[in-house]
Every structure is written in structure tokens, then in C-alpha cells.
Amino acid sequence: YKNENGALIPQEVHSIVISVQHSPDIETEELRRLIKEHVINAVIPSKYLTEKTIYHIQPSGKFIIGGPHGDAGLTGRKIIIDTYGGHGAHGGGAFSGKDWSKVDRSAAYAARWIAKSIVHAKLARRILVQLSYAIGVSRPLSIFIDTYGTSSKTNA
């Protein structure tokens, strides 16, 4: 983004992540082609898509089972109070009823551990750690850290 008097103006799209539940009758490559043609190219102006744009379309492959059959359980209970009581940013994911493979749980724990470690090491007094993941991709797509000006080190 480019900041113009407080307004954030998009410059380019860095990454696109799309996973769509689908019929078992369609091949993954055909689905990826259709999503790119009918969703991405229809929604995102071409001037923002560059040779550097990273596409994660159906990154885990087939997505046949979804909805209540794929994600049933006791989740979503008091998600803000389970984290920071509304003080910190929250992606909206819940923790209860989920196993470690669900990144809205495991990544939140990892981000909290990173933040606590930085504060404990006296590298900053306050910090926001933001991690972005895509299903089927083991490493974060992005990592953002804001120390709100409390860092004892310069930004690199």
C-alpha cells in the first residue's frame, strides 16, 4: 500500500489464497484454472497482479468434505476473552474444540509465544505479532511485527 494522507492505496497484490469446497468429479488443476479465470481475474484489477504475485489456489489439493461434516465441534466460545480481552488484534478464530493442525489455534499460540519472548528479553515493552497462513502451506505467508515504538532495537 501507499499512504496518501491517511488513505491506503493498493499498489500490487502480494499473495492470493483461495480454497473452495468442490465436487469430487473435478480435477484440481481444472478447478485452479476456473478459480483464476472466474474469481481472481474477475475481482482483482489486472494492474495489481504482477509477475511477483504468489497464488495459493487449492494449496491442499482436493477439498471434498467441508461444512458441518468437516468442521463440527464446540468452537467459537468466548474467542476474545480467551485471548486478550479485546485489547489486542484478533483474527476471529477460536481455540476450543480444535486440534493443533488448525492454524487459527496453533498460529495464535505461536504468535503469543513470540510476543512474550520479545517482551521478556526486553527487546520491546509492547508488541503485536501477526502471522498469516494458508491451508496446505507449512510456512507463514507473511509475518508482521509492530512494537508501537517501544523497541530497544531499530527496525530492519
C-alpha atoms as a PDB file:
ATOM      1  CA  TYR A   1       0.000   0.000   0.000  1.00  0.00           C
ATOM      2  CA  LYS A   2       0.944   3.613  -0.454  1.00  0.00           C
ATOM      3  CA  ASN A   3      -0.153   6.044   2.255  1.00  0.00           C
ATOM      4  CA  GLU A   4      -1.738   9.168   0.775  1.00  0.00           C
ATOM      5  CA  ASN A   5      -2.873  11.481   3.572  1.00  0.00           C
ATOM      6  CA  GLY A   6      -4.006   8.558   5.700  1.00  0.00           C
ATOM      7  CA  ALA A   7      -5.683   6.643   2.863  1.00  0.00           C
ATOM      8  CA  LEU A   8      -4.053   3.333   1.955  1.00  0.00           C
ATOM      9  CA  ILE A   9      -3.833   2.997  -1.828  1.00  0.00           C
ATOM     10  CA  PRO A  10      -3.142  -0.527  -3.138  1.00  0.00           C
ATOM     11  CA  GLN A  11      -0.027  -0.896  -5.288  1.00  0.00           C
ATOM     12  CA  GLU A  12       0.022  -4.627  -6.021  1.00  0.00           C
ATOM     13  CA  VAL A  13      -1.289  -7.931  -4.725  1.00  0.00           C
ATOM     14  CA  HIS A  14       1.411  -9.899  -2.927  1.00  0.00           C
ATOM     15  CA  SER A  15      -0.431 -13.193  -2.301  1.00  0.00           C
ATOM     16  CA  ILE A  16      -3.806 -14.714  -3.097  1.00  0.00           C
ATOM     17  CA  VAL A  17      -5.188 -17.637  -1.084  1.00  0.00           C
ATOM     18  CA  ILE A  18      -8.353 -19.439  -2.172  1.00  0.00           C
ATOM     19  CA  SER A  19      -9.636 -22.856  -1.103  1.00  0.00           C
ATOM     20  CA  VAL A  20     -13.053 -23.926  -2.365  1.00  0.00           C
ATOM     21  CA  GLN A  21     -15.070 -26.989  -1.435  1.00  0.00           C
ATOM     22  CA  HIS A  22     -15.959 -28.789  -4.652  1.00  0.00           C
ATOM     23  CA  SER A  23     -17.398 -31.865  -6.313  1.00  0.00           C
ATOM     24  CA  PRO A  24     -15.177 -34.950  -6.395  1.00  0.00           C
ATOM     25  CA  ASP A  25     -15.728 -35.002 -10.167  1.00  0.00           C
ATOM     26  CA  ILE A  26     -13.431 -32.054 -10.963  1.00  0.00           C
ATOM     27  CA  GLU A  27      -9.647 -32.307 -11.175  1.00  0.00           C
ATOM     28  CA  THR A  28      -7.628 -29.908  -9.024  1.00  0.00           C
ATOM     29  CA  GLU A  29      -5.788 -28.291 -11.959  1.00  0.00           C
ATOM     30  CA  GLU A  30      -9.067 -27.598 -13.786  1.00  0.00           C
ATOM     31  CA  LEU A  31     -10.556 -26.111 -10.614  1.00  0.00           C
ATOM     32  CA  ARG A  32      -7.487 -23.890 -10.174  1.00  0.00           C
ATOM     33  CA  ARG A  33      -7.839 -22.661 -13.762  1.00  0.00           C
ATOM     34  CA  LEU A  34     -11.545 -21.892 -13.273  1.00  0.00           C
ATOM     35  CA  ILE A  35     -10.943 -20.073  -9.977  1.00  0.00           C
ATOM     36  CA  LYS A  36      -8.213 -17.939 -11.536  1.00  0.00           C
ATOM     37  CA  GLU A  37     -10.363 -17.101 -14.557  1.00  0.00           C
ATOM     38  CA  HIS A  38     -13.775 -16.613 -12.940  1.00  0.00           C
ATOM     39  CA  VAL A  39     -12.864 -15.359  -9.464  1.00  0.00           C
ATOM     40  CA  ILE A  40      -9.407 -13.798  -9.311  1.00  0.00           C
ATOM     41  CA  ASN A  41      -9.369 -12.184 -12.752  1.00  0.00           C
ATOM     42  CA  ALA A  42     -12.999 -11.101 -12.364  1.00  0.00           C
ATOM     43  CA  VAL A  43     -12.468  -9.464  -8.966  1.00  0.00           C
ATOM     44  CA  ILE A  44      -8.913  -8.113  -8.859  1.00  0.00           C
ATOM     45  CA  PRO A  45      -7.935  -5.456 -11.417  1.00  0.00           C
ATOM     46  CA  SER A  46      -5.086  -6.775 -13.588  1.00  0.00           C
ATOM     47  CA  LYS A  47      -2.888  -3.762 -12.763  1.00  0.00           C
ATOM     48  CA  TYR A  48      -2.434  -5.198  -9.247  1.00  0.00           C
ATOM     49  CA  LEU A  49      -1.421  -8.686 -10.426  1.00  0.00           C
ATOM     50  CA  THR A  50       2.289  -8.816 -11.217  1.00  0.00           C
ATOM     51  CA  GLU A  51       4.864 -11.488 -12.003  1.00  0.00           C
ATOM     52  CA  LYS A  52       5.664 -11.411  -8.275  1.00  0.00           C
ATOM     53  CA  THR A  53       2.083 -12.232  -7.192  1.00  0.00           C
ATOM     54  CA  ILE A  54       2.005 -15.547  -5.339  1.00  0.00           C
ATOM     55  CA  TYR A  55      -1.025 -17.766  -5.952  1.00  0.00           C
ATOM     56  CA  HIS A  56      -2.170 -20.386  -3.437  1.00  0.00           C
ATOM     57  CA  ILE A  57      -5.224 -21.833  -5.197  1.00  0.00           C
ATOM     58  CA  GLN A  58      -6.424 -25.091  -3.609  1.00  0.00           C
ATOM     59  CA  PRO A  59      -2.990 -25.423  -1.952  1.00  0.00           C
ATOM     60  CA  SER A  60      -4.012 -28.589  -0.090  1.00  0.00           C
ATOM     61  CA  GLY A  61      -5.471 -30.175  -3.232  1.00  0.00           C
ATOM     62  CA  LYS A  62      -8.930 -31.683  -3.084  1.00  0.00           C
ATOM     63  CA  PHE A  63     -11.467 -30.155  -0.679  1.00  0.00           C
ATOM     64  CA  ILE A  64     -14.442 -32.508  -0.852  1.00  0.00           C
ATOM     65  CA  ILE A  65     -15.583 -32.703   2.774  1.00  0.00           C
ATOM     66  CA  GLY A  66     -16.435 -29.367   4.368  1.00  0.00           C
ATOM     67  CA  GLY A  67     -19.149 -27.500   6.196  1.00  0.00           C
ATOM     68  CA  PRO A  68     -20.616 -29.161   9.299  1.00  0.00           C
ATOM     69  CA  HIS A  69     -19.219 -32.564   8.269  1.00  0.00           C
ATOM     70  CA  GLY A  70     -15.667 -31.243   8.125  1.00  0.00           C
ATOM     71  CA  ASP A  71     -15.570 -28.677  10.899  1.00  0.00           C
ATOM     72  CA  ALA A  72     -18.118 -29.728  13.502  1.00  0.00           C
ATOM     73  CA  GLY A  73     -17.330 -29.272  17.168  1.00  0.00           C
ATOM     74  CA  LEU A  74     -17.551 -26.946  20.113  1.00  0.00           C
ATOM     75  CA  THR A  75     -15.722 -23.928  18.742  1.00  0.00           C
ATOM     76  CA  GLY A  76     -16.186 -20.207  18.835  1.00  0.00           C
ATOM     77  CA  ARG A  77     -16.959 -19.854  22.509  1.00  0.00           C
ATOM     78  CA  LYS A  78     -15.764 -16.562  24.031  1.00  0.00           C
ATOM     79  CA  ILE A  79     -12.973 -16.149  21.493  1.00  0.00           C
ATOM     80  CA  ILE A  80     -11.979 -12.631  22.528  1.00  0.00           C
ATOM     81  CA  ILE A  81     -11.796 -13.323  26.249  1.00  0.00           C
ATOM     82  CA  ASP A  82      -9.776 -16.487  25.517  1.00  0.00           C
ATOM     83  CA  THR A  83      -7.078 -14.281  24.035  1.00  0.00           C
ATOM     84  CA  TYR A  84      -6.555 -10.698  25.133  1.00  0.00           C
ATOM     85  CA  GLY A  85      -9.908  -9.397  26.306  1.00  0.00           C
ATOM     86  CA  GLY A  86     -10.324  -7.173  23.279  1.00  0.00           C
ATOM     87  CA  HIS A  87      -7.022  -5.342  23.854  1.00  0.00           C
ATOM     88  CA  GLY A  88      -5.049  -6.933  21.016  1.00  0.00           C
ATOM     89  CA  ALA A  89      -5.875  -7.634  17.401  1.00  0.00           C
ATOM     90  CA  HIS A  90      -7.692 -10.911  16.792  1.00  0.00           C
ATOM     91  CA  GLY A  91      -8.215 -12.848  13.570  1.00  0.00           C
ATOM     92  CA  GLY A  92     -11.542 -14.265  14.701  1.00  0.00           C
ATOM     93  CA  GLY A  93     -10.566 -17.916  15.092  1.00  0.00           C
ATOM     94  CA  ALA A  94     -11.485 -19.885  18.185  1.00  0.00           C
ATOM     95  CA  PHE A  95      -9.331 -22.324  20.158  1.00  0.00           C
ATOM     96  CA  SER A  96     -11.689 -24.764  21.854  1.00  0.00           C
ATOM     97  CA  GLY A  97     -12.637 -27.930  20.015  1.00  0.00           C
ATOM     98  CA  LYS A  98      -9.744 -27.668  17.549  1.00  0.00           C
ATOM     99  CA  ASP A  99      -6.643 -29.775  17.172  1.00  0.00           C
ATOM    100  CA  TRP A 100      -3.116 -28.419  16.633  1.00  0.00           C
ATOM    101  CA  SER A 101      -3.456 -28.615  12.835  1.00  0.00           C
ATOM    102  CA  LYS A 102      -5.917 -25.692  12.771  1.00  0.00           C
ATOM    103  CA  VAL A 103      -3.768 -22.590  12.247  1.00  0.00           C
ATOM    104  CA  ASP A 104      -6.220 -20.206  13.885  1.00  0.00           C
ATOM    105  CA  ARG A 105      -5.324 -22.029  17.104  1.00  0.00           C
ATOM    106  CA  SER A 106      -1.681 -23.072  16.644  1.00  0.00           C
ATOM    107  CA  ALA A 107      -0.572 -19.829  14.952  1.00  0.00           C
ATOM    108  CA  ALA A 108      -2.204 -17.752  17.689  1.00  0.00           C
ATOM    109  CA  TYR A 109      -0.258 -19.724  20.292  1.00  0.00           C
ATOM    110  CA  ALA A 110       2.953 -19.304  18.266  1.00  0.00           C
ATOM    111  CA  ALA A 111       2.394 -15.549  17.877  1.00  0.00           C
ATOM    112  CA  ARG A 112       1.745 -15.210  21.613  1.00  0.00           C
ATOM    113  CA  TRP A 113       4.948 -17.159  22.398  1.00  0.00           C
ATOM    114  CA  ILE A 114       6.950 -14.898  20.037  1.00  0.00           C
ATOM    115  CA  ALA A 115       5.462 -11.753  21.597  1.00  0.00           C
ATOM    116  CA  LYS A 116       6.047 -12.942  25.172  1.00  0.00           C
ATOM    117  CA  SER A 117       9.642 -13.904  24.330  1.00  0.00           C
ATOM    118  CA  ILE A 118      10.399 -10.491  22.815  1.00  0.00           C
ATOM    119  CA  VAL A 119       8.946  -8.643  25.807  1.00  0.00           C
ATOM    120  CA  HIS A 120      10.659 -10.997  28.283  1.00  0.00           C
ATOM    121  CA  ALA A 121      14.012 -10.371  26.533  1.00  0.00           C
ATOM    122  CA  LYS A 122      13.363  -6.624  26.948  1.00  0.00           C
ATOM    123  CA  LEU A 123      13.560  -6.075  23.184  1.00  0.00           C
ATOM    124  CA  ALA A 124      10.217  -4.224  23.339  1.00  0.00           C
ATOM    125  CA  ARG A 125       7.693  -3.263  26.004  1.00  0.00           C
ATOM    126  CA  ARG A 126       4.633  -3.776  23.798  1.00  0.00           C
ATOM    127  CA  ILE A 127       4.259  -5.820  20.628  1.00  0.00           C
ATOM    128  CA  LEU A 128       1.821  -7.100  18.043  1.00  0.00           C
ATOM    129  CA  VAL A 129       2.823 -10.265  16.168  1.00  0.00           C
ATOM    130  CA  GLN A 130       0.738 -11.081  13.106  1.00  0.00           C
ATOM    131  CA  LEU A 131       1.096 -14.390  11.240  1.00  0.00           C
ATOM    132  CA  SER A 132      -0.731 -15.249   8.024  1.00  0.00           C
ATOM    133  CA  TYR A 133      -1.143 -18.840   6.843  1.00  0.00           C
ATOM    134  CA  ALA A 134      -2.807 -20.738   4.012  1.00  0.00           C
ATOM    135  CA  ILE A 135      -4.168 -24.248   4.347  1.00  0.00           C
ATOM    136  CA  GLY A 136      -1.705 -26.752   2.945  1.00  0.00           C
ATOM    137  CA  VAL A 137       1.256 -24.346   3.199  1.00  0.00           C
ATOM    138  CA  SER A 138       3.548 -25.109   6.141  1.00  0.00           C
ATOM    139  CA  ARG A 139       5.298 -21.738   6.462  1.00  0.00           C
ATOM    140  CA  PRO A 140       3.618 -18.378   7.141  1.00  0.00           C
ATOM    141  CA  LEU A 141       2.766 -16.343   4.054  1.00  0.00           C
ATOM    142  CA  SER A 142       3.554 -13.187   5.974  1.00  0.00           C
ATOM    143  CA  ILE A 143       4.948 -12.106   9.320  1.00  0.00           C
ATOM    144  CA  PHE A 144       4.280  -8.615  10.664  1.00  0.00           C
ATOM    145  CA  ILE A 145       5.591  -7.179  13.914  1.00  0.00           C
ATOM    146  CA  ASP A 146       4.703  -3.784  15.420  1.00  0.00           C
ATOM    147  CA  THR A 147       6.397  -2.699  18.636  1.00  0.00           C
ATOM    148  CA  TYR A 148       4.409   0.528  18.846  1.00  0.00           C
ATOM    149  CA  GLY A 149       7.657   2.471  19.157  1.00  0.00           C
ATOM    150  CA  THR A 150       8.731   0.581  22.295  1.00  0.00           C
ATOM    151  CA  SER A 151      11.561  -1.448  20.729  1.00  0.00           C
ATOM    152  CA  SER A 152      15.075  -1.167  22.096  1.00  0.00           C
ATOM    153  CA  LYS A 153      16.345  -2.007  18.580  1.00  0.00           C
ATOM    154  CA  THR A 154      15.935  -0.280  15.232  1.00  0.00           C
ATOM    155  CA  ASN A 155      13.645  -1.816  12.613  1.00  0.00           C
ATOM    156  CA  ALA A 156      15.454  -3.876   9.992  1.00  0.00           C
END
